[in-house]
Amino acid sequence: MSKAEKYKFDFINYLKSFRKFMLSVSFYTYFIYFVSIIFLTNETRAIIYAVSLSLPWPYFIIISNNRFIK
């Protein structure tokens, strides 16, 4: 990044938001996985776990691009 781009980016609040996002993702994937152990087969459980890990990332990228660039 150039110095002008670094100045425009709110890094401290981005890190706070990223921490909250990662804690949420880890909790929800943990919960989804262990609930799916009870009700689903191994193949379905693996698919659901992979989807639950990959779906929040595009949302976070879009939100962070809109929120943290001044």
PDB file of N, CA and C in Angstrom:
ATOM      1  N   MET A   1       0.835  -1.186   0.000  1.00  0.00           N
ATOM      2  CA  MET A   1       0.000   0.000   0.000  1.00  0.00           C
ATOM      3  C   MET A   1       0.880   1.250   0.000  1.00  0.00           C
ATOM      4  N   SER A   2       0.398   2.236  -0.668  1.00  0.00           N
ATOM      5  CA  SER A   2       1.107   3.516  -0.620  1.00  0.00           C
ATOM      6  C   SER A   2       0.768   4.209   0.701  1.00  0.00           C
ATOM      7  N   LYS A   3       1.491   5.266   1.009  1.00  0.00           N
ATOM      8  CA  LYS A   3       1.250   5.981   2.258  1.00  0.00           C
ATOM      9  C   LYS A   3      -0.134   6.612   2.278  1.00  0.00           C
ATOM     10  N   ALA A   4      -0.607   7.069   1.136  1.00  0.00           N
ATOM     11  CA  ALA A   4      -1.945   7.667   1.067  1.00  0.00           C
ATOM     12  C   ALA A   4      -3.023   6.608   1.327  1.00  0.00           C
ATOM     13  N   GLU A   5      -2.843   5.408   0.785  1.00  0.00           N
ATOM     14  CA  GLU A   5      -3.803   4.338   1.024  1.00  0.00           C
ATOM     15  C   GLU A   5      -3.785   3.895   2.482  1.00  0.00           C
ATOM     16  N   LYS A   6      -2.598   3.838   3.091  1.00  0.00           N
ATOM     17  CA  LYS A   6      -2.492   3.485   4.505  1.00  0.00           C
ATOM     18  C   LYS A   6      -3.192   4.514   5.381  1.00  0.00           C
ATOM     19  N   TYR A   7      -3.096   5.757   5.011  1.00  0.00           N
ATOM     20  CA  TYR A   7      -3.744   6.815   5.782  1.00  0.00           C
ATOM     21  C   TYR A   7      -5.262   6.712   5.686  1.00  0.00           C
ATOM     22  N   LYS A   8      -5.763   6.291   4.544  1.00  0.00           N
ATOM     23  CA  LYS A   8      -7.208   6.202   4.339  1.00  0.00           C
ATOM     24  C   LYS A   8      -7.835   4.998   5.038  1.00  0.00           C
ATOM     25  N   PHE A   9      -7.054   4.017   5.408  1.00  0.00           N
ATOM     26  CA  PHE A   9      -7.576   2.778   5.967  1.00  0.00           C
ATOM     27  C   PHE A   9      -7.569   2.832   7.498  1.00  0.00           C
ATOM     28  N   ASP A  10      -8.712   2.527   8.115  1.00  0.00           N
ATOM     29  CA  ASP A  10      -8.857   2.534   9.573  1.00  0.00           C
ATOM     30  C   ASP A  10      -8.457   1.165  10.120  1.00  0.00           C
ATOM     31  N   PHE A  11      -7.156   0.977  10.355  1.00  0.00           N
ATOM     32  CA  PHE A  11      -6.596  -0.331  10.687  1.00  0.00           C
ATOM     33  C   PHE A  11      -7.003  -0.832  12.076  1.00  0.00           C
ATOM     34  N   ILE A  12      -7.036   0.031  13.058  1.00  0.00           N
ATOM     35  CA  ILE A  12      -7.356  -0.380  14.433  1.00  0.00           C
ATOM     36  C   ILE A  12      -8.785  -0.915  14.517  1.00  0.00           C
ATOM     37  N   ASN A  13      -9.730  -0.185  13.979  1.00  0.00           N
ATOM     38  CA  ASN A  13     -11.125  -0.655  14.007  1.00  0.00           C
ATOM     39  C   ASN A  13     -11.326  -1.876  13.121  1.00  0.00           C
ATOM     40  N   TYR A  14     -10.546  -1.969  12.062  1.00  0.00           N
ATOM     41  CA  TYR A  14     -10.608  -3.166  11.223  1.00  0.00           C
ATOM     42  C   TYR A  14     -10.190  -4.397  12.013  1.00  0.00           C
ATOM     43  N   LEU A  15      -9.120  -4.290  12.792  1.00  0.00           N
ATOM     44  CA  LEU A  15      -8.667  -5.425  13.592  1.00  0.00           C
ATOM     45  C   LEU A  15      -9.681  -5.802  14.666  1.00  0.00           C
ATOM     46  N   LYS A  16     -10.323  -4.830  15.274  1.00  0.00           N
ATOM     47  CA  LYS A  16     -11.370  -5.117  16.251  1.00  0.00           C
ATOM     48  C   LYS A  16     -12.537  -5.849  15.592  1.00  0.00           C
ATOM     49  N   SER A  17     -12.930  -5.392  14.438  1.00  0.00           N
ATOM     50  CA  SER A  17     -14.024  -6.030  13.710  1.00  0.00           C
ATOM     51  C   SER A  17     -13.637  -7.432  13.244  1.00  0.00           C
ATOM     52  N   PHE A  18     -12.394  -7.587  12.801  1.00  0.00           N
ATOM     53  CA  PHE A  18     -11.917  -8.888  12.339  1.00  0.00           C
ATOM     54  C   PHE A  18     -11.904  -9.894  13.483  1.00  0.00           C
ATOM     55  N   ARG A  19     -11.500  -9.460  14.665  1.00  0.00           N
ATOM     56  CA  ARG A  19     -11.499 -10.341  15.832  1.00  0.00           C
ATOM     57  C   ARG A  19     -12.913 -10.798  16.160  1.00  0.00           C
ATOM     58  N   LYS A  20     -13.856  -9.863  16.167  1.00  0.00           N
ATOM     59  CA  LYS A  20     -15.252 -10.208  16.444  1.00  0.00           C
ATOM     60  C   LYS A  20     -15.794 -11.167  15.394  1.00  0.00           C
ATOM     61  N   PHE A  21     -15.459 -10.921  14.138  1.00  0.00           N
ATOM     62  CA  PHE A  21     -15.903 -11.785  13.052  1.00  0.00           C
ATOM     63  C   PHE A  21     -15.341 -13.192  13.204  1.00  0.00           C
ATOM     64  N   MET A  22     -14.058 -13.304  13.500  1.00  0.00           N
ATOM     65  CA  MET A  22     -13.442 -14.627  13.641  1.00  0.00           C
ATOM     66  C   MET A  22     -14.003 -15.401  14.827  1.00  0.00           C
ATOM     67  N   LEU A  23     -14.256 -14.725  15.922  1.00  0.00           N
ATOM     68  CA  LEU A  23     -14.870 -15.399  17.061  1.00  0.00           C
ATOM     69  C   LEU A  23     -16.274 -15.886  16.722  1.00  0.00           C
ATOM     70  N   SER A  24     -17.030 -15.081  16.010  1.00  0.00           N
ATOM     71  CA  SER A  24     -18.375 -15.486  15.589  1.00  0.00           C
ATOM     72  C   SER A  24     -18.326 -16.676  14.648  1.00  0.00           C
ATOM     73  N   VAL A  25     -17.452 -16.618  13.669  1.00  0.00           N
ATOM     74  CA  VAL A  25     -17.335 -17.723  12.713  1.00  0.00           C
ATOM     75  C   VAL A  25     -16.924 -19.007  13.421  1.00  0.00           C
ATOM     76  N   SER A  26     -15.994 -18.913  14.329  1.00  0.00           N
ATOM     77  CA  SER A  26     -15.549 -20.120  15.029  1.00  0.00           C
ATOM     78  C   SER A  26     -16.658 -20.692  15.912  1.00  0.00           C
ATOM     79  N   PHE A  27     -17.413 -19.837  16.585  1.00  0.00           N
ATOM     80  CA  PHE A  27     -18.512 -20.333  17.412  1.00  0.00           C
ATOM     81  C   PHE A  27     -19.597 -20.984  16.566  1.00  0.00           C
ATOM     82  N   TYR A  28     -20.013 -20.311  15.496  1.00  0.00           N
ATOM     83  CA  TYR A  28     -21.109 -20.843  14.688  1.00  0.00           C
ATOM     84  C   TYR A  28     -20.713 -22.118  13.945  1.00  0.00           C
ATOM     85  N   THR A  29     -19.510 -22.208  13.456  1.00  0.00           N
ATOM     86  CA  THR A  29     -19.109 -23.444  12.781  1.00  0.00           C
ATOM     87  C   THR A  29     -18.978 -24.588  13.775  1.00  0.00           C
ATOM     88  N   TYR A  30     -18.506 -24.305  14.965  1.00  0.00           N
ATOM     89  CA  TYR A  30     -18.441 -25.313  16.029  1.00  0.00           C
ATOM     90  C   TYR A  30     -19.847 -25.823  16.348  1.00  0.00           C
ATOM     91  N   PHE A  31     -20.776 -24.902  16.527  1.00  0.00           N
ATOM     92  CA  PHE A  31     -22.154 -25.261  16.842  1.00  0.00           C
ATOM     93  C   PHE A  31     -22.803 -26.049  15.704  1.00  0.00           C
ATOM     94  N   ILE A  32     -22.648 -25.583  14.481  1.00  0.00           N
ATOM     95  CA  ILE A  32     -23.241 -26.255  13.318  1.00  0.00           C
ATOM     96  C   ILE A  32     -22.667 -27.657  13.167  1.00  0.00           C
ATOM     97  N   TYR A  33     -21.376 -27.802  13.341  1.00  0.00           N
ATOM     98  CA  TYR A  33     -20.752 -29.101  13.182  1.00  0.00           C
ATOM     99  C   TYR A  33     -21.264 -30.101  14.224  1.00  0.00           C
ATOM    100  N   PHE A  34     -21.316 -29.696  15.476  1.00  0.00           N
ATOM    101  CA  PHE A  34     -21.723 -30.645  16.502  1.00  0.00           C
ATOM    102  C   PHE A  34     -23.220 -30.925  16.495  1.00  0.00           C
ATOM    103  N   VAL A  35     -24.021 -30.017  16.017  1.00  0.00           N
ATOM    104  CA  VAL A  35     -25.441 -30.321  15.828  1.00  0.00           C
ATOM    105  C   VAL A  35     -25.606 -31.280  14.655  1.00  0.00           C
ATOM    106  N   SER A  36     -24.807 -31.100  13.616  1.00  0.00           N
ATOM    107  CA  SER A  36     -24.922 -31.981  12.453  1.00  0.00           C
ATOM    108  C   SER A  36     -24.406 -33.392  12.737  1.00  0.00           C
ATOM    109  N   ILE A  37     -23.535 -33.560  13.722  1.00  0.00           N
ATOM    110  CA  ILE A  37     -23.084 -34.904  14.106  1.00  0.00           C
ATOM    111  C   ILE A  37     -24.273 -35.753  14.548  1.00  0.00           C
ATOM    112  N   ILE A  38     -25.193 -35.132  15.238  1.00  0.00           N
ATOM    113  CA  ILE A  38     -26.346 -35.849  15.782  1.00  0.00           C
ATOM    114  C   ILE A  38     -27.309 -36.278  14.679  1.00  0.00           C
ATOM    115  N   PHE A  39     -27.525 -35.436  13.697  1.00  0.00           N
ATOM    116  CA  PHE A  39     -28.613 -35.651  12.749  1.00  0.00           C
ATOM    117  C   PHE A  39     -28.199 -36.108  11.349  1.00  0.00           C
ATOM    118  N   LEU A  40     -26.945 -35.956  10.954  1.00  0.00           N
ATOM    119  CA  LEU A  40     -26.583 -36.156   9.549  1.00  0.00           C
ATOM    120  C   LEU A  40     -25.474 -37.187   9.380  1.00  0.00           C
ATOM    121  N   THR A  41     -25.292 -37.621   8.130  1.00  0.00           N
ATOM    122  CA  THR A  41     -24.227 -38.561   7.803  1.00  0.00           C
ATOM    123  C   THR A  41     -22.893 -37.834   7.671  1.00  0.00           C
ATOM    124  N   ASN A  42     -21.820 -38.605   7.537  1.00  0.00           N
ATOM    125  CA  ASN A  42     -20.478 -38.010   7.456  1.00  0.00           C
ATOM    126  C   ASN A  42     -20.308 -37.111   6.245  1.00  0.00           C
ATOM    127  N   GLU A  43     -20.803 -37.544   5.093  1.00  0.00           N
ATOM    128  CA  GLU A  43     -20.638 -36.758   3.867  1.00  0.00           C
ATOM    129  C   GLU A  43     -21.408 -35.441   3.961  1.00  0.00           C
ATOM    130  N   THR A  44     -22.635 -35.508   4.420  1.00  0.00           N
ATOM    131  CA  THR A  44     -23.450 -34.305   4.546  1.00  0.00           C
ATOM    132  C   THR A  44     -22.861 -33.367   5.591  1.00  0.00           C
ATOM    133  N   ARG A  45     -22.354 -33.918   6.664  1.00  0.00           N
ATOM    134  CA  ARG A  45     -21.743 -33.126   7.717  1.00  0.00           C
ATOM    135  C   ARG A  45     -20.516 -32.376   7.190  1.00  0.00           C
ATOM    136  N   ALA A  46     -19.719 -33.033   6.381  1.00  0.00           N
ATOM    137  CA  ALA A  46     -18.528 -32.391   5.818  1.00  0.00           C
ATOM    138  C   ALA A  46     -18.909 -31.253   4.877  1.00  0.00           C
ATOM    139  N   ILE A  47     -19.934 -31.460   4.085  1.00  0.00           N
ATOM    140  CA  ILE A  47     -20.389 -30.411   3.162  1.00  0.00           C
ATOM    141  C   ILE A  47     -20.920 -29.215   3.939  1.00  0.00           C
ATOM    142  N   ILE A  48     -21.721 -29.466   4.943  1.00  0.00           N
ATOM    143  CA  ILE A  48     -22.289 -28.379   5.739  1.00  0.00           C
ATOM    144  C   ILE A  48     -21.185 -27.617   6.466  1.00  0.00           C
ATOM    145  N   TYR A  49     -20.213 -28.331   6.978  1.00  0.00           N
ATOM    146  CA  TYR A  49     -19.101 -27.683   7.672  1.00  0.00           C
ATOM    147  C   TYR A  49     -18.299 -26.798   6.710  1.00  0.00           C
ATOM    148  N   ALA A  50     -18.032 -27.288   5.523  1.00  0.00           N
ATOM    149  CA  ALA A  50     -17.286 -26.499   4.535  1.00  0.00           C
ATOM    150  C   ALA A  50     -18.069 -25.257   4.110  1.00  0.00           C
ATOM    151  N   VAL A  51     -19.349 -25.406   3.921  1.00  0.00           N
ATOM    152  CA  VAL A  51     -20.176 -24.260   3.535  1.00  0.00           C
ATOM    153  C   VAL A  51     -20.247 -23.244   4.676  1.00  0.00           C
ATOM    154  N   SER A  52     -20.378 -23.725   5.903  1.00  0.00           N
ATOM    155  CA  SER A  52     -20.463 -22.801   7.036  1.00  0.00           C
ATOM    156  C   SER A  52     -19.148 -22.049   7.247  1.00  0.00           C
ATOM    157  N   LEU A  53     -18.044 -22.594   6.805  1.00  0.00           N
ATOM    158  CA  LEU A  53     -16.769 -21.886   6.883  1.00  0.00           C
ATOM    159  C   LEU A  53     -16.579 -20.885   5.747  1.00  0.00           C
ATOM    160  N   SER A  54     -17.118 -21.197   4.579  1.00  0.00           N
ATOM    161  CA  SER A  54     -16.841 -20.358   3.415  1.00  0.00           C
ATOM    162  C   SER A  54     -17.877 -19.263   3.154  1.00  0.00           C
ATOM    163  N   LEU A  55     -19.090 -19.400   3.626  1.00  0.00           N
ATOM    164  CA  LEU A  55     -20.108 -18.388   3.350  1.00  0.00           C
ATOM    165  C   LEU A  55     -19.874 -17.034   4.012  1.00  0.00           C
ATOM    166  N   PRO A  56     -19.399 -16.955   5.230  1.00  0.00           N
ATOM    167  CA  PRO A  56     -19.243 -15.626   5.848  1.00  0.00           C
ATOM    168  C   PRO A  56     -18.143 -14.757   5.238  1.00  0.00           C
ATOM    169  N   TRP A  57     -17.182 -15.338   4.546  1.00  0.00           N
ATOM    170  CA  TRP A  57     -16.047 -14.544   4.050  1.00  0.00           C
ATOM    171  C   TRP A  57     -16.402 -13.513   2.994  1.00  0.00           C
ATOM    172  N   PRO A  58     -17.207 -13.828   1.989  1.00  0.00           N
ATOM    173  CA  PRO A  58     -17.572 -12.759   1.039  1.00  0.00           C
ATOM    174  C   PRO A  58     -18.317 -11.604   1.716  1.00  0.00           C
ATOM    175  N   TYR A  59     -19.165 -11.947   2.677  1.00  0.00           N
ATOM    176  CA  TYR A  59     -19.869 -10.904   3.432  1.00  0.00           C
ATOM    177  C   TYR A  59     -18.873 -10.002   4.169  1.00  0.00           C
ATOM    178  N   PHE A  60     -17.912 -10.601   4.842  1.00  0.00           N
ATOM    179  CA  PHE A  60     -16.929  -9.809   5.582  1.00  0.00           C
ATOM    180  C   PHE A  60     -16.104  -8.933   4.651  1.00  0.00           C
ATOM    181  N   ILE A  61     -15.721  -9.446   3.519  1.00  0.00           N
ATOM    182  CA  ILE A  61     -14.922  -8.664   2.570  1.00  0.00           C
ATOM    183  C   ILE A  61     -15.710  -7.471   2.059  1.00  0.00           C
ATOM    184  N   ILE A  62     -16.961  -7.671   1.709  1.00  0.00           N
ATOM    185  CA  ILE A  62     -17.788  -6.574   1.199  1.00  0.00           C
ATOM    186  C   ILE A  62     -18.006  -5.520   2.277  1.00  0.00           C
ATOM    187  N   ILE A  63     -18.357  -5.963   3.477  1.00  0.00           N
ATOM    188  CA  ILE A  63     -18.602  -5.026   4.568  1.00  0.00           C
ATOM    189  C   ILE A  63     -17.328  -4.272   4.947  1.00  0.00           C
ATOM    190  N   SER A  64     -16.206  -4.970   5.019  1.00  0.00           N
ATOM    191  CA  SER A  64     -14.975  -4.291   5.413  1.00  0.00           C
ATOM    192  C   SER A  64     -14.506  -3.303   4.350  1.00  0.00           C
ATOM    193  N   ASN A  65     -14.723  -3.600   3.087  1.00  0.00           N
ATOM    194  CA  ASN A  65     -14.355  -2.638   2.046  1.00  0.00           C
ATOM    195  C   ASN A  65     -15.200  -1.378   2.131  1.00  0.00           C
ATOM    196  N   ASN A  66     -16.462  -1.525   2.499  1.00  0.00           N
ATOM    197  CA  ASN A  66     -17.329  -0.348   2.592  1.00  0.00           C
ATOM    198  C   ASN A  66     -17.130   0.425   3.890  1.00  0.00           C
ATOM    199  N   ARG A  67     -16.774  -0.248   4.959  1.00  0.00           N
ATOM    200  CA  ARG A  67     -16.753   0.390   6.275  1.00  0.00           C
ATOM    201  C   ARG A  67     -15.414   0.995   6.661  1.00  0.00           C
ATOM    202  N   PHE A  68     -14.308   0.401   6.273  1.00  0.00           N
ATOM    203  CA  PHE A  68     -13.031   0.801   6.839  1.00  0.00           C
ATOM    204  C   PHE A  68     -12.157   1.641   5.921  1.00  0.00           C
ATOM    205  N   ILE A  69     -12.581   1.870   4.719  1.00  0.00           N
ATOM    206  CA  ILE A  69     -11.833   2.777   3.840  1.00  0.00           C
ATOM    207  C   ILE A  69     -12.476   4.148   3.960  1.00  0.00           C
ATOM    208  N   LYS A  70     -11.687   5.109   4.426  1.00  0.00           N
ATOM    209  CA  LYS A  70     -12.207   6.474   4.679  1.00  0.00           C
ATOM    210  C   LYS A  70     -12.452   7.215   3.401  1.00  0.00           C
TER     211      LYS A  70
END
